[in-house]
Amino acid sequence: MGEDMKIKFYKSAICPRCLVAQMALKKIVEKDSSIEIEMIDVVSNFKRYQADKIGMFPAIVVEDKILQGLLLTPSKIEEFIQKC
């Protein structure tokens, strides 16, 4: 972290797992203002979801790296972002 970073966050408004991941991302951004998050709802952006080769949500995309899974814990998200 530290350089400007853009994160694409694929989520659904009705997904409780997405809400947990979104809250974790917001806390990360509060610590590092150089991170920008683009929230992408999979229902209204399904073609983009497919084009970015997302297999499930929630999903976090940084450049060509994807973190996706049933449960993205805050520590898993932070570790992924630090590696990017």
Protein backbone atom coordinates (compact mmCIF):
# COMPACT_ATOMS: atom_id res chain seq x y z
CA MET A 1 0.00 0.00 0.00
CA GLY A 2 1.08 3.61 -0.28
CA GLU A 3 1.04 4.26 -4.06
CA ASP A 4 -2.16 5.16 -5.84
CA MET A 5 -4.20 2.01 -6.27
CA LYS A 6 -7.55 1.42 -7.92
CA ILE A 7 -9.64 -1.49 -6.72
CA LYS A 8 -12.69 -2.83 -8.52
CA PHE A 9 -15.09 -4.38 -6.04
CA TYR A 10 -17.74 -6.66 -7.53
CA LYS A 11 -20.71 -7.07 -5.21
CA SER A 12 -24.43 -7.46 -4.92
CA ALA A 13 -26.62 -5.23 -2.78
CA ILE A 14 -28.43 -8.26 -1.36
CA CYS A 15 -25.32 -10.32 -0.56
CA PRO A 16 -24.39 -10.37 3.15
CA ARG A 17 -20.87 -11.66 2.33
CA CYS A 18 -20.39 -8.64 0.08
CA LEU A 19 -21.37 -6.31 2.92
CA VAL A 20 -18.68 -7.83 5.17
CA ALA A 21 -16.05 -7.39 2.42
CA GLN A 22 -17.24 -3.85 1.68
CA MET A 23 -16.90 -2.85 5.34
CA ALA A 24 -13.36 -4.28 5.40
CA LEU A 25 -12.45 -2.33 2.25
CA LYS A 26 -13.80 0.91 3.73
CA LYS A 27 -11.59 0.46 6.80
CA ILE A 28 -8.56 -0.12 4.58
CA VAL A 29 -9.30 3.08 2.63
CA GLU A 30 -9.66 5.01 5.90
CA LYS A 31 -6.07 3.99 6.72
CA ASP A 32 -4.71 4.67 3.21
CA SER A 33 -6.36 7.44 1.19
CA SER A 34 -4.31 6.58 -1.92
CA ILE A 35 -6.64 3.62 -2.50
CA GLU A 36 -9.70 4.22 -4.64
CA ILE A 37 -12.55 1.71 -4.74
CA GLU A 38 -14.93 1.36 -7.67
CA MET A 39 -18.09 -0.43 -6.51
CA ILE A 40 -19.59 -2.56 -9.27
CA ASP A 41 -22.98 -4.19 -8.75
CA VAL A 42 -23.02 -7.53 -10.55
CA VAL A 43 -26.75 -7.38 -11.26
CA SER A 44 -26.62 -4.12 -13.21
CA ASN A 45 -23.16 -4.76 -14.71
CA PHE A 46 -23.34 -8.44 -15.60
CA LYS A 47 -21.52 -8.10 -18.95
CA ARG A 48 -18.63 -6.32 -17.25
CA TYR A 49 -18.62 -9.01 -14.55
CA GLN A 50 -18.25 -11.63 -17.29
CA ALA A 51 -15.69 -9.61 -19.27
CA ASP A 52 -13.44 -9.32 -16.20
CA LYS A 53 -13.71 -13.13 -15.80
CA ILE A 54 -15.16 -13.00 -12.32
CA GLY A 55 -16.40 -16.41 -11.20
CA MET A 56 -18.12 -15.47 -7.97
CA PHE A 57 -18.74 -12.50 -5.74
CA PRO A 58 -17.67 -10.74 -3.69
CA ALA A 59 -14.59 -10.20 -5.83
CA ILE A 60 -11.77 -7.69 -5.57
CA VAL A 61 -9.73 -6.86 -8.67
CA VAL A 62 -6.44 -4.95 -8.69
CA GLU A 63 -4.95 -4.69 -12.18
CA ASP A 64 -4.95 -8.33 -13.37
CA LYS A 65 -5.13 -9.94 -9.91
CA ILE A 66 -8.43 -11.25 -8.55
CA LEU A 67 -9.45 -12.19 -5.03
CA GLN A 68 -12.82 -13.91 -4.89
CA GLY A 69 -14.46 -16.38 -2.62
CA LEU A 70 -17.36 -17.27 -0.40
CA LEU A 71 -15.93 -15.44 2.57
CA LEU A 72 -13.36 -12.69 2.13
CA THR A 73 -12.18 -11.95 5.65
CA PRO A 74 -10.70 -8.55 6.50
CA SER A 75 -7.25 -10.12 6.99
CA LYS A 76 -7.45 -11.97 3.65
CA ILE A 77 -8.45 -8.73 1.88
CA GLU A 78 -5.70 -6.69 3.53
CA GLU A 79 -3.08 -9.35 2.70
CA PHE A 80 -4.21 -9.43 -0.94
CA ILE A 81 -4.03 -5.63 -1.26
CA GLN A 82 -0.58 -5.49 0.33
CA LYS A 83 0.72 -8.02 -2.22
CA CYS A 84 -0.61 -5.96 -5.13
